Amino acid sequence: MAGIYCHIPFCKRACHYCNFYFSTSVGAKNDIVAALLKEMTIQRDYLEGEIVDTVYFGGGTPSILPAGQLSEILAAARTVFHVSQHAEITLECNPDDVHSQSLNAWNEIGINRLSLGLQSFFDDDLRWMNRSHSANQALESIRVVRAHGFDNFSVDLIYGFQLLTQSKWKENVMKVLELGIPHVSCYGMTIEPNTALARLIARGAAEDIDQSVQAEQFLLLMKWMKDAGFEHYEISNFAMPGFRSRHNSSYWQGKKYLGLGPSAHSYNGKTRQWNVSNNSLYTSGLRNGILNFESENLSPTQRINEYIMTSLRTIEGCELDVISNNFGDAIAAILEKATRKYIPDSLVRIGSRLVLNDQGKLFADDIASSLFFETLA
């Protein structure tokens, strides 16, 4: 099974913290869609004939596109690739784009999962982030999503930023639980270079992130979600049983995926490639039948380190049998031995797989990078 990711690089406004590739000038929407359709035909063999089990519209804000253009992209994907009849088809959307007309249209064209970019239920937080919706719109979007039969949906929340007190954080999470939302993605605020937030902090107009407060909010989040019956199936993702994101899970499981659109990444198990992060260069190239991208062949060292990094983020952890089968028993033994140093601090559990404990999840990236191999013999 494989996945397709479609990057729609447009937003109504720039969130202060965001460093994804996008443009607030939507005049090139038609050109981007035409180019994306042409890219499909160029990349038709990339997934090597595997059945496509998931299609994910991300961005940017893909809910900016009219339903007709989303339908055109889906129809082309079903023509060019072997898309499963039961594929999970996800659309990221902002609450202010969610209303009866859009939901009816999305449902009609085959969208069967939504990801709502809520971030917070407080207006002061949303203004500080420069989001385009209000708290009331966030609540209303959940109501109408449910009313139109979308039971499989997710919301995003952000924690660990300057305005978010512990009481506000608890209220955000409890609101999600009270509303019976089946999937939640929660991200600690990070200061990315060249963002508005980074510039505000640099000139003293905003406070920097307090890492200790962010860690405390993450620990509280894990407890609240566990008590509510959610699976913490990946560092940032929580789901009620049966509601995991199949698309995102495929990334962490090392399955093949094709990324379409400017800045989109693709992976086929042996190579990785990424499209140019420029709307004009992307569209002009494809008008001439040329896809502007870079790529790299993944060495055994890169492949094992990537598996360590992604698998440690998941509830299943890093399977030593997978290491043995792909890289040899000796490599698996070296990795298991290197991980033992984290046992006294209760950061990991070691058995047939290496799994991070709750405290270890605070240091997931650091632990993973410390276990990386410099080279494989």
Protein backbone atom coordinates (compact mmCIF):
# COMPACT_ATOMS: atom_id res chain seq x y z
CA MET A 1 0.00 0.00 0.00
CA ALA A 2 1.21 3.51 -0.83
CA GLY A 3 0.07 7.09 -0.34
CA ILE A 4 -0.26 10.31 -2.35
CA TYR A 5 0.24 13.75 -0.83
CA CYS A 6 -0.97 16.86 -2.69
CA HIS A 7 0.54 20.13 -1.51
CA ILE A 8 -1.76 23.09 -2.12
CA PRO A 9 0.49 26.12 -1.46
CA PHE A 10 -2.04 28.84 -0.64
CA CYS A 11 -3.26 30.48 2.56
CA LYS A 12 -5.53 33.45 3.28
CA ARG A 13 -2.92 34.85 5.62
CA ALA A 14 0.47 33.89 7.06
CA CYS A 15 0.37 32.40 10.55
CA HIS A 16 3.16 33.92 12.61
CA TYR A 17 4.75 30.56 13.49
CA CYS A 18 4.46 28.73 10.16
CA ASN A 19 7.43 27.82 7.96
CA PHE A 20 5.64 25.54 5.47
CA TYR A 21 5.83 26.63 1.86
CA PHE A 22 2.79 28.69 0.86
CA SER A 23 1.69 31.95 -0.75
CA THR A 24 -1.07 34.36 0.25
CA SER A 25 -1.47 35.32 -3.42
CA VAL A 26 -4.01 32.86 -4.79
CA GLY A 27 -4.03 34.10 -8.39
CA ALA A 28 -1.98 31.10 -9.52
CA LYS A 29 -4.45 28.47 -8.27
CA ASN A 30 -5.45 27.35 -11.75
CA ASP A 31 -1.83 27.13 -12.87
CA ILE A 32 -0.87 25.07 -9.82
CA VAL A 33 -3.71 22.60 -10.34
CA ALA A 34 -2.87 22.22 -14.05
CA ALA A 35 0.80 21.64 -13.19
CA LEU A 36 -0.07 19.15 -10.45
CA LEU A 37 -2.16 17.15 -12.92
CA LYS A 38 0.73 17.11 -15.37
CA GLU A 39 3.10 16.02 -12.59
CA MET A 40 0.90 12.97 -11.98
CA THR A 41 1.47 11.72 -15.50
CA ILE A 42 5.22 12.31 -15.27
CA GLN A 43 5.36 10.45 -11.94
CA ARG A 44 2.91 7.70 -12.84
CA ASP A 45 5.52 4.95 -12.32
CA TYR A 46 7.01 6.31 -9.09
CA LEU A 47 4.92 4.05 -6.82
CA GLU A 48 5.75 1.03 -8.99
CA GLY A 49 2.14 -0.03 -9.40
CA GLU A 50 1.35 -0.30 -5.68
CA ILE A 51 -2.24 0.23 -4.59
CA VAL A 52 -2.78 3.75 -3.24
CA ASP A 53 -4.50 3.46 0.13
CA THR A 54 -4.44 7.13 1.14
CA VAL A 55 -4.69 10.53 -0.55
CA TYR A 56 -3.94 13.59 1.56
CA PHE A 57 -4.55 17.23 0.62
CA GLY A 58 -2.23 19.40 2.72
CA GLY A 59 -0.68 22.80 2.54
CA GLY A 60 -1.01 25.63 2.86
CA THR A 61 -4.76 25.52 3.13
CA PRO A 62 -6.20 23.11 0.55
CA SER A 63 -9.77 24.01 1.55
CA ILE A 64 -9.13 27.25 -0.36
CA LEU A 65 -9.53 25.29 -3.60
CA PRO A 66 -13.05 25.01 -5.04
CA ALA A 67 -14.52 21.53 -4.73
CA GLY A 68 -14.43 21.25 -8.52
CA GLN A 69 -10.63 21.47 -8.57
CA LEU A 70 -10.26 19.01 -5.70
CA SER A 71 -12.55 16.66 -7.64
CA GLU A 72 -10.43 17.09 -10.77
CA ILE A 73 -7.29 16.14 -8.85
CA LEU A 74 -8.95 13.08 -7.30
CA ALA A 75 -10.36 11.95 -10.64
CA ALA A 76 -6.91 12.20 -12.22
CA ALA A 77 -5.33 10.28 -9.33
CA ARG A 78 -7.86 7.49 -9.76
CA THR A 79 -7.11 7.39 -13.50
CA VAL A 80 -3.31 7.46 -13.25
CA PHE A 81 -2.84 5.33 -10.12
CA HIS A 82 -4.45 2.26 -8.56
CA VAL A 83 -6.43 4.08 -5.86
CA SER A 84 -8.23 1.69 -3.51
CA GLN A 85 -12.00 1.85 -3.46
CA HIS A 86 -11.70 2.18 0.32
CA ALA A 87 -8.89 4.74 0.33
CA GLU A 88 -8.68 7.27 3.15
CA ILE A 89 -8.96 10.70 1.51
CA THR A 90 -8.11 13.55 3.86
CA LEU A 91 -8.57 17.28 3.40
CA GLU A 92 -6.89 19.81 5.68
CA CYS A 93 -9.22 22.75 6.22
CA ASN A 94 -9.55 25.94 8.22
CA PRO A 95 -12.71 26.38 10.33
CA ASP A 96 -13.70 29.47 8.33
CA ASP A 97 -13.88 27.35 5.16
CA VAL A 98 -16.21 24.81 6.76
CA HIS A 99 -19.93 25.29 6.08
CA SER A 100 -22.87 23.28 4.75
CA GLN A 101 -22.14 23.99 1.09
CA SER A 102 -18.44 23.04 1.27
CA LEU A 103 -19.12 19.93 3.36
CA ASN A 104 -21.77 18.68 0.96
CA ALA A 105 -19.41 19.23 -1.96
CA TRP A 106 -16.45 17.51 -0.24
CA ASN A 107 -18.61 14.56 0.70
CA GLU A 108 -19.90 14.25 -2.86
CA ILE A 109 -16.42 14.13 -4.43
CA GLY A 110 -15.18 11.45 -2.04
CA ILE A 111 -13.41 13.29 0.79
CA ASN A 112 -13.97 11.01 3.79
CA ARG A 113 -11.68 12.49 6.44
CA LEU A 114 -11.11 16.09 7.54
CA SER A 115 -8.29 17.69 9.50
CA LEU A 116 -9.35 20.97 11.11
CA GLY A 117 -6.65 23.53 11.94
CA LEU A 118 -8.20 24.79 15.19
CA GLN A 119 -4.99 25.43 17.24
CA SER A 120 -6.92 26.95 20.18
CA PHE A 121 -10.42 27.72 21.46
CA PHE A 122 -9.33 31.18 22.68
CA ASP A 123 -9.61 34.28 20.49
CA ASP A 124 -6.56 35.97 22.02
CA ASP A 125 -4.42 32.95 21.11
CA LEU A 126 -5.77 32.88 17.56
CA ARG A 127 -5.13 36.59 17.06
CA TRP A 128 -1.59 36.20 18.43
CA MET A 129 -0.99 33.37 15.93
CA ASN A 130 -2.57 35.45 13.13
CA ARG A 131 -5.09 32.72 12.37
CA SER A 132 -7.94 33.54 9.98
CA HIS A 133 -10.74 32.09 12.15
CA SER A 134 -12.30 32.83 15.54
CA ALA A 135 -13.01 30.58 18.52
CA ASN A 136 -16.70 30.61 17.67
CA GLN A 137 -15.92 29.50 14.12
CA ALA A 138 -13.81 26.66 15.54
CA LEU A 139 -16.73 25.39 17.60
CA GLU A 140 -19.21 25.86 14.77
CA SER A 141 -16.99 23.97 12.33
CA ILE A 142 -17.03 20.91 14.61
CA ARG A 143 -20.80 21.07 14.90
CA VAL A 144 -21.43 21.26 11.15
CA VAL A 145 -18.78 18.62 10.35
CA ARG A 146 -20.67 16.20 12.57
CA ALA A 147 -24.06 17.29 11.22
CA HIS A 148 -22.93 16.45 7.68
CA GLY A 149 -21.84 12.91 8.50
CA PHE A 150 -18.07 13.33 8.84
CA ASP A 151 -17.39 11.06 11.83
CA ASN A 152 -13.73 10.55 10.89
CA PHE A 153 -12.04 13.88 11.52
CA SER A 154 -9.15 15.39 13.44
CA VAL A 155 -8.31 18.72 15.04
CA ASP A 156 -4.94 20.40 15.63
CA LEU A 157 -3.95 22.07 18.90
CA ILE A 158 -0.75 23.97 19.72
CA TYR A 159 0.78 24.13 23.19
CA GLY A 160 3.80 25.63 24.88
CA PHE A 161 3.54 29.24 23.69
CA GLN A 162 3.61 32.47 25.63
CA LEU A 163 -0.12 33.14 26.02
CA LEU A 164 -1.10 29.59 26.93
CA THR A 165 -1.47 29.21 30.71
CA GLN A 166 -1.93 25.79 32.25
CA SER A 167 -5.62 26.51 32.89
CA LYS A 168 -6.18 27.55 29.25
CA TRP A 169 -4.35 24.46 28.04
CA LYS A 170 -6.53 22.22 30.19
CA GLU A 171 -9.65 23.97 28.91
CA ASN A 172 -8.56 23.43 25.29
CA VAL A 173 -7.97 19.71 25.82
CA MET A 174 -11.09 19.19 27.92
CA LYS A 175 -13.13 20.92 25.19
CA VAL A 176 -11.83 18.40 22.65
CA LEU A 177 -12.75 15.52 24.94
CA GLU A 178 -16.15 17.01 25.76
CA LEU A 179 -16.93 17.33 22.03
CA GLY A 180 -16.03 13.70 21.40
CA ILE A 181 -13.45 14.46 18.72
CA PRO A 182 -11.90 11.10 17.66
CA HIS A 183 -8.41 12.27 16.63
CA VAL A 184 -6.18 15.08 17.90
CA SER A 185 -2.78 16.27 16.66
CA CYS A 186 -0.94 18.37 19.25
CA TYR A 187 2.24 20.27 18.47
CA GLY A 188 4.61 22.13 20.73
CA MET A 189 5.22 25.63 19.42
CA THR A 190 8.64 25.91 17.80
CA ILE A 191 10.47 29.03 16.69
CA GLU A 192 11.29 28.45 13.05
CA PRO A 193 13.83 30.68 11.27
CA ASN A 194 12.49 33.45 9.01
CA THR A 195 9.00 33.38 10.49
CA ALA A 196 7.16 36.41 11.86
CA LEU A 197 7.34 34.91 15.34
CA ALA A 198 11.11 34.49 15.14
CA ARG A 199 11.45 38.14 14.12
CA LEU A 200 9.16 39.30 16.92
CA ILE A 201 11.23 37.42 19.49
CA ALA A 202 14.50 38.68 18.01
CA ARG A 203 13.50 42.31 18.52
CA GLY A 204 11.96 41.70 21.94
CA ALA A 205 8.36 42.17 20.87
CA ALA A 206 7.41 38.64 21.96
CA GLU A 207 8.65 36.27 24.65
CA ASP A 208 10.68 33.22 23.78
CA ILE A 209 9.34 29.72 24.40
CA ASP A 210 9.66 28.45 27.98
CA GLN A 211 10.79 24.86 27.44
CA SER A 212 9.94 23.78 30.99
CA VAL A 213 6.34 25.00 30.64
CA GLN A 214 6.05 23.31 27.25
CA ALA A 215 7.32 20.02 28.71
CA GLU A 216 4.85 20.22 31.59
CA GLN A 217 1.97 20.85 29.18
CA PHE A 218 3.01 17.85 27.09
CA LEU A 219 3.12 15.58 30.15
CA LEU A 220 -0.32 16.80 31.21
CA LEU A 221 -1.62 16.21 27.68
CA MET A 222 -0.42 12.61 27.69
CA LYS A 223 -2.12 11.92 31.03
CA TRP A 224 -5.43 13.53 30.04
CA MET A 225 -5.59 11.71 26.72
CA LYS A 226 -4.67 8.35 28.24
CA ASP A 227 -7.33 8.76 30.93
CA ALA A 228 -9.86 9.51 28.17
CA GLY A 229 -9.05 6.27 26.32
CA PHE A 230 -6.99 7.70 23.45
CA GLU A 231 -4.08 5.82 21.89
CA HIS A 232 -0.92 7.94 21.90
CA TYR A 233 0.14 6.28 18.68
CA GLU A 234 2.76 8.86 17.63
CA ILE A 235 4.51 11.64 19.54
CA SER A 236 2.11 14.34 18.31
CA ASN A 237 -0.97 12.24 17.59
CA PHE A 238 -3.75 10.77 19.68
CA ALA A 239 -6.67 8.69 18.41
CA MET A 240 -9.64 6.79 19.72
CA PRO A 241 -9.42 3.11 18.67
CA GLY A 242 -10.03 2.82 14.93
CA PHE A 243 -9.36 6.49 14.15
CA ARG A 244 -5.62 6.63 13.52
CA SER A 245 -4.57 8.60 10.44
CA ARG A 246 -3.74 5.91 7.91
CA HIS A 247 -1.86 8.40 5.73
CA ASN A 248 0.45 9.76 8.41
CA SER A 249 0.95 6.27 9.82
CA SER A 250 2.33 5.20 6.45
CA TYR A 251 5.12 7.78 6.80
CA TRP A 252 6.19 6.36 10.15
CA GLN A 253 5.95 2.79 8.84
CA GLY A 254 8.28 3.54 5.93
CA LYS A 255 5.72 2.97 3.17
CA LYS A 256 6.07 4.57 -0.25
CA TYR A 257 4.45 7.90 -0.94
CA LEU A 258 4.36 10.34 -3.82
CA GLY A 259 4.31 14.06 -3.09
CA LEU A 260 2.71 16.30 -5.71
CA GLY A 261 2.94 20.09 -5.84
CA PRO A 262 5.64 22.67 -5.03
CA SER A 263 7.89 21.69 -2.09
CA ALA A 264 6.29 18.22 -1.81
CA HIS A 265 8.51 15.28 -0.84
CA SER A 266 8.38 11.70 -2.17
CA TYR A 267 9.87 8.44 -0.93
CA ASN A 268 9.98 4.99 -2.53
CA GLY A 269 12.10 3.07 -0.03
CA LYS A 270 15.35 3.60 -1.93
CA THR A 271 15.36 7.28 -2.88
CA ARG A 272 13.89 10.53 -1.62
CA GLN A 273 13.08 13.55 -3.76
CA TRP A 274 11.59 16.99 -3.19
CA ASN A 275 10.05 19.46 -5.59
CA VAL A 276 11.18 23.04 -5.97
CA SER A 277 9.67 25.39 -3.35
CA ASN A 278 8.61 28.04 -5.80
CA ASN A 279 5.21 28.26 -7.47
CA SER A 280 6.49 29.98 -10.61
CA LEU A 281 9.39 27.58 -11.20
CA TYR A 282 7.15 24.59 -10.48
CA THR A 283 4.43 25.64 -12.94
CA SER A 284 6.72 26.95 -15.69
CA GLY A 285 8.75 23.76 -15.65
CA LEU A 286 5.72 21.51 -15.94
CA ARG A 287 4.28 23.61 -18.76
CA ASN A 288 7.36 22.42 -20.64
CA GLY A 289 7.06 18.85 -19.36
CA ILE A 290 9.87 19.24 -16.82
CA LEU A 291 9.54 18.55 -13.09
CA ASN A 292 11.97 20.68 -11.11
CA PHE A 293 13.14 18.58 -8.18
CA GLU A 294 16.17 17.31 -6.28
CA SER A 295 16.75 13.76 -5.12
CA GLU A 296 19.10 11.54 -3.20
CA ASN A 297 19.79 7.82 -3.10
CA LEU A 298 19.48 6.62 0.48
CA SER A 299 22.48 4.72 1.80
CA PRO A 300 22.05 1.84 4.28
CA THR A 301 23.20 4.22 7.03
CA GLN A 302 20.56 6.79 6.09
CA ARG A 303 17.87 4.11 5.92
CA ILE A 304 18.58 2.66 9.35
CA ASN A 305 18.85 6.10 10.97
CA GLU A 306 15.57 7.15 9.39
CA TYR A 307 13.89 4.00 10.68
CA ILE A 308 15.22 4.66 14.19
CA MET A 309 13.99 8.26 14.09
CA THR A 310 10.50 7.53 12.79
CA SER A 311 9.81 4.28 14.64
CA LEU A 312 10.79 5.67 18.04
CA ARG A 313 8.06 8.29 17.61
CA THR A 314 5.38 5.60 17.48
CA ILE A 315 3.56 3.50 20.06
CA GLU A 316 4.98 0.33 18.44
CA GLY A 317 8.56 1.58 18.75
CA CYS A 318 11.68 0.38 16.97
CA GLU A 319 11.42 -3.35 16.22
CA LEU A 320 14.72 -5.17 16.64
CA ASP A 321 13.57 -7.91 14.24
CA VAL A 322 13.17 -5.27 11.52
CA ILE A 323 16.74 -4.11 12.18
CA SER A 324 18.01 -7.71 12.11
CA ASN A 325 16.16 -8.61 8.92
CA ASN A 326 17.28 -5.51 7.03
CA PHE A 327 20.71 -4.75 8.47
CA GLY A 328 21.86 -7.88 10.32
CA ASP A 329 21.81 -9.35 13.83
CA ALA A 330 25.06 -7.65 14.80
CA ILE A 331 23.64 -4.18 14.05
CA ALA A 332 20.50 -4.97 16.06
CA ALA A 333 22.66 -6.03 19.01
CA ILE A 334 24.70 -2.81 18.83
CA LEU A 335 21.51 -0.73 18.81
CA GLU A 336 19.97 -2.61 21.73
CA LYS A 337 23.15 -2.20 23.79
CA ALA A 338 23.39 1.53 23.01
CA THR A 339 19.80 2.03 24.18
CA ARG A 340 20.39 0.52 27.63
CA LYS A 341 21.86 3.79 28.95
CA TYR A 342 18.34 5.25 28.97
CA ILE A 343 16.85 2.51 31.18
CA PRO A 344 17.95 3.92 34.58
CA ASP A 345 16.09 7.18 33.89
CA SER A 346 12.96 5.28 32.76
CA LEU A 347 13.15 6.86 29.31
CA VAL A 348 12.83 3.62 27.31
CA ARG A 349 11.54 0.06 27.54
CA ILE A 350 13.55 -2.67 25.88
CA GLY A 351 12.18 -6.02 24.79
CA SER A 352 11.68 -7.22 21.25
CA ARG A 353 11.37 -3.52 20.43
CA LEU A 354 12.64 -0.21 21.77
CA VAL A 355 9.78 1.96 23.05
CA LEU A 356 9.92 5.43 24.61
CA ASN A 357 8.24 5.94 27.98
CA ASP A 358 6.32 9.16 28.63
CA GLN A 359 9.41 10.91 29.99
CA GLY A 360 11.42 9.66 27.04
CA LYS A 361 8.95 11.25 24.62
CA LEU A 362 10.11 14.63 25.89
CA PHE A 363 13.54 13.85 24.42
CA ALA A 364 12.51 11.74 21.42
CA ASP A 365 14.68 13.50 18.82
CA ASP A 366 17.73 13.65 21.10
CA ILE A 367 17.44 9.98 22.02
CA ALA A 368 16.99 8.93 18.40
CA SER A 369 19.94 10.99 17.16
CA SER A 370 22.17 9.56 19.90
CA LEU A 371 21.42 6.09 18.54
CA PHE A 372 22.25 6.94 14.93
CA PHE A 373 24.98 4.98 13.18
CA GLU A 374 27.83 6.96 11.66
CA THR A 375 28.32 4.29 9.05
CA LEU A 376 27.34 0.69 8.44
CA ALA A 377 30.09 -1.75 7.64
